[in-house]
Structures are given as structure tokens and as C-alpha cells.
Amino acid sequence: MTTNEIKYVLLYCVGLNYTILFIWFGTFVFAHDWMYRTHGRWFKLSVETFDAIHYGGLSVFKIGIILLNLVPLVAFCLVR
């Protein structure tokens, strides 16, 4: 693979992962009660614990996107 191909793959991954992140966030904000009821069938969670788990998951996912996709993309752009 050339550096151009790697840049396009990383750019595609950033876009795809941020789309997933925004869908997760939108579902969490606009369908919170439905998500809580669905997960409440499987696990005994308070609303505060449920919110903390999702907030932590969103944070870890966003940091993963930045470290694994965005930083290498910026590095490839700066090297060229």
C-alpha cells in the first residue's frame, strides 16, 4: 500500500467511526428510556449506573478513534 492509500483508508475509518459514535450518542439522547428498558431486562442497573456506563463507553470509543485513526492520519499528512 502506498501512503496515499493508507491516508484514504484512515480517513474512511475516521468517518465511519464518528458516524457510529454520533448514532450511539443520538440513540442515547433521544431513545434513552427505550435503551434503559431494553438493557434493564438483562441487567439490574440503576439509571445513574446505566448513564455512567454509556458515558464511559462513548469516551473510550472517542479516545480510541483519536489515537488509532486520527493521529496516524495527521502523521501521514505531516510527513508528506
C-alpha atoms as a PDB file:
ATOM      1  CA  MET A   1       0.000   0.000   0.000  1.00  0.00           C
ATOM      2  CA  THR A   2       1.143   3.481  -0.738  1.00  0.00           C
ATOM      3  CA  THR A   3       0.896   6.315   1.760  1.00  0.00           C
ATOM      4  CA  ASN A   4      -1.972   7.823  -0.243  1.00  0.00           C
ATOM      5  CA  GLU A   5      -3.975   4.614   0.055  1.00  0.00           C
ATOM      6  CA  ILE A   6      -3.264   4.421   3.782  1.00  0.00           C
ATOM      7  CA  LYS A   7      -4.408   8.038   4.198  1.00  0.00           C
ATOM      8  CA  TYR A   8      -7.681   7.324   2.393  1.00  0.00           C
ATOM      9  CA  VAL A   9      -8.281   4.183   4.469  1.00  0.00           C
ATOM     10  CA  LEU A  10      -7.637   6.092   7.701  1.00  0.00           C
ATOM     11  CA  LEU A  11      -9.891   8.928   6.564  1.00  0.00           C
ATOM     12  CA  TYR A  12     -12.640   6.422   5.732  1.00  0.00           C
ATOM     13  CA  CYS A  13     -12.182   4.791   9.161  1.00  0.00           C
ATOM     14  CA  VAL A  14     -12.413   8.157  10.926  1.00  0.00           C
ATOM     15  CA  GLY A  15     -15.636   8.976   9.090  1.00  0.00           C
ATOM     16  CA  LEU A  16     -17.163   5.570   9.718  1.00  0.00           C
ATOM     17  CA  ASN A  17     -16.223   5.519  13.393  1.00  0.00           C
ATOM     18  CA  TYR A  18     -17.501   9.051  14.033  1.00  0.00           C
ATOM     19  CA  THR A  19     -20.757   8.106  12.296  1.00  0.00           C
ATOM     20  CA  ILE A  20     -21.110   5.158  14.676  1.00  0.00           C
ATOM     21  CA  LEU A  21     -20.277   7.446  17.615  1.00  0.00           C
ATOM     22  CA  PHE A  22     -22.917  10.009  16.586  1.00  0.00           C
ATOM     23  CA  ILE A  23     -25.548   7.298  16.085  1.00  0.00           C
ATOM     24  CA  TRP A  24     -24.750   5.880  19.531  1.00  0.00           C
ATOM     25  CA  PHE A  25     -24.930   9.366  21.077  1.00  0.00           C
ATOM     26  CA  GLY A  26     -28.175  10.203  19.268  1.00  0.00           C
ATOM     27  CA  THR A  27     -29.755   6.941  20.316  1.00  0.00           C
ATOM     28  CA  PHE A  28     -28.601   7.506  23.888  1.00  0.00           C
ATOM     29  CA  VAL A  29     -30.054  11.033  23.988  1.00  0.00           C
ATOM     30  CA  PHE A  30     -33.296  10.560  22.069  1.00  0.00           C
ATOM     31  CA  ALA A  31     -34.150   6.946  22.975  1.00  0.00           C
ATOM     32  CA  HIS A  32     -32.729   6.814  26.491  1.00  0.00           C
ATOM     33  CA  ASP A  33     -35.805   5.279  28.106  1.00  0.00           C
ATOM     34  CA  TRP A  34     -36.153   2.609  25.434  1.00  0.00           C
ATOM     35  CA  MET A  35     -32.468   1.676  25.782  1.00  0.00           C
ATOM     36  CA  TYR A  36     -32.747   1.574  29.570  1.00  0.00           C
ATOM     37  CA  ARG A  37     -35.820  -0.676  29.443  1.00  0.00           C
ATOM     38  CA  THR A  38     -34.153  -2.992  26.939  1.00  0.00           C
ATOM     39  CA  HIS A  39     -30.963  -3.322  28.973  1.00  0.00           C
ATOM     40  CA  GLY A  40     -32.984  -3.468  32.177  1.00  0.00           C
ATOM     41  CA  ARG A  41     -34.430  -6.788  31.045  1.00  0.00           C
ATOM     42  CA  TRP A  42     -30.965  -8.339  31.082  1.00  0.00           C
ATOM     43  CA  PHE A  43     -29.163  -6.458  33.870  1.00  0.00           C
ATOM     44  CA  LYS A  44     -30.169  -4.892  37.179  1.00  0.00           C
ATOM     45  CA  LEU A  45     -28.906  -1.332  36.672  1.00  0.00           C
ATOM     46  CA  SER A  46     -29.916   1.983  38.145  1.00  0.00           C
ATOM     47  CA  VAL A  47     -30.401   4.863  35.744  1.00  0.00           C
ATOM     48  CA  GLU A  48     -27.236   6.529  37.073  1.00  0.00           C
ATOM     49  CA  THR A  49     -25.155   3.393  36.515  1.00  0.00           C
ATOM     50  CA  PHE A  50     -26.612   2.944  33.034  1.00  0.00           C
ATOM     51  CA  ASP A  51     -25.760   6.549  32.152  1.00  0.00           C
ATOM     52  CA  ALA A  52     -22.231   6.223  33.580  1.00  0.00           C
ATOM     53  CA  ILE A  53     -21.558   3.051  31.589  1.00  0.00           C
ATOM     54  CA  HIS A  54     -22.679   4.642  28.332  1.00  0.00           C
ATOM     55  CA  TYR A  55     -20.837   7.887  29.037  1.00  0.00           C
ATOM     56  CA  GLY A  56     -17.657   5.926  29.760  1.00  0.00           C
ATOM     57  CA  GLY A  57     -18.148   3.815  26.640  1.00  0.00           C
ATOM     58  CA  LEU A  58     -18.618   6.879  24.470  1.00  0.00           C
ATOM     59  CA  SER A  59     -15.471   8.418  25.965  1.00  0.00           C
ATOM     60  CA  VAL A  60     -13.336   5.312  25.441  1.00  0.00           C
ATOM     61  CA  PHE A  61     -14.615   4.903  21.883  1.00  0.00           C
ATOM     62  CA  LYS A  62     -13.860   8.549  21.066  1.00  0.00           C
ATOM     63  CA  ILE A  63     -10.343   8.311  22.533  1.00  0.00           C
ATOM     64  CA  GLY A  64      -9.813   5.117  20.520  1.00  0.00           C
ATOM     65  CA  ILE A  65     -10.854   6.891  17.320  1.00  0.00           C
ATOM     66  CA  ILE A  66      -8.480   9.739  18.020  1.00  0.00           C
ATOM     67  CA  LEU A  67      -5.500   7.565  18.969  1.00  0.00           C
ATOM     68  CA  LEU A  68      -5.919   4.777  16.420  1.00  0.00           C
ATOM     69  CA  ASN A  69      -7.259   6.660  13.388  1.00  0.00           C
ATOM     70  CA  LEU A  70      -6.901  10.412  13.623  1.00  0.00           C
ATOM     71  CA  VAL A  71      -3.334  10.652  14.980  1.00  0.00           C
ATOM     72  CA  PRO A  72      -1.884   8.299  12.318  1.00  0.00           C
ATOM     73  CA  LEU A  73      -3.810  10.225   9.638  1.00  0.00           C
ATOM     74  CA  VAL A  74      -2.370  13.534  10.828  1.00  0.00           C
ATOM     75  CA  ALA A  75       1.113  11.967  10.994  1.00  0.00           C
ATOM     76  CA  PHE A  76       0.843  10.750   7.388  1.00  0.00           C
ATOM     77  CA  CYS A  77      -0.338  14.178   6.280  1.00  0.00           C
ATOM     78  CA  LEU A  78       2.531  15.924   8.082  1.00  0.00           C
ATOM     79  CA  VAL A  79       5.177  13.557   6.686  1.00  0.00           C
ATOM     80  CA  ARG A  80       4.109  14.275   3.130  1.00  0.00           C
END
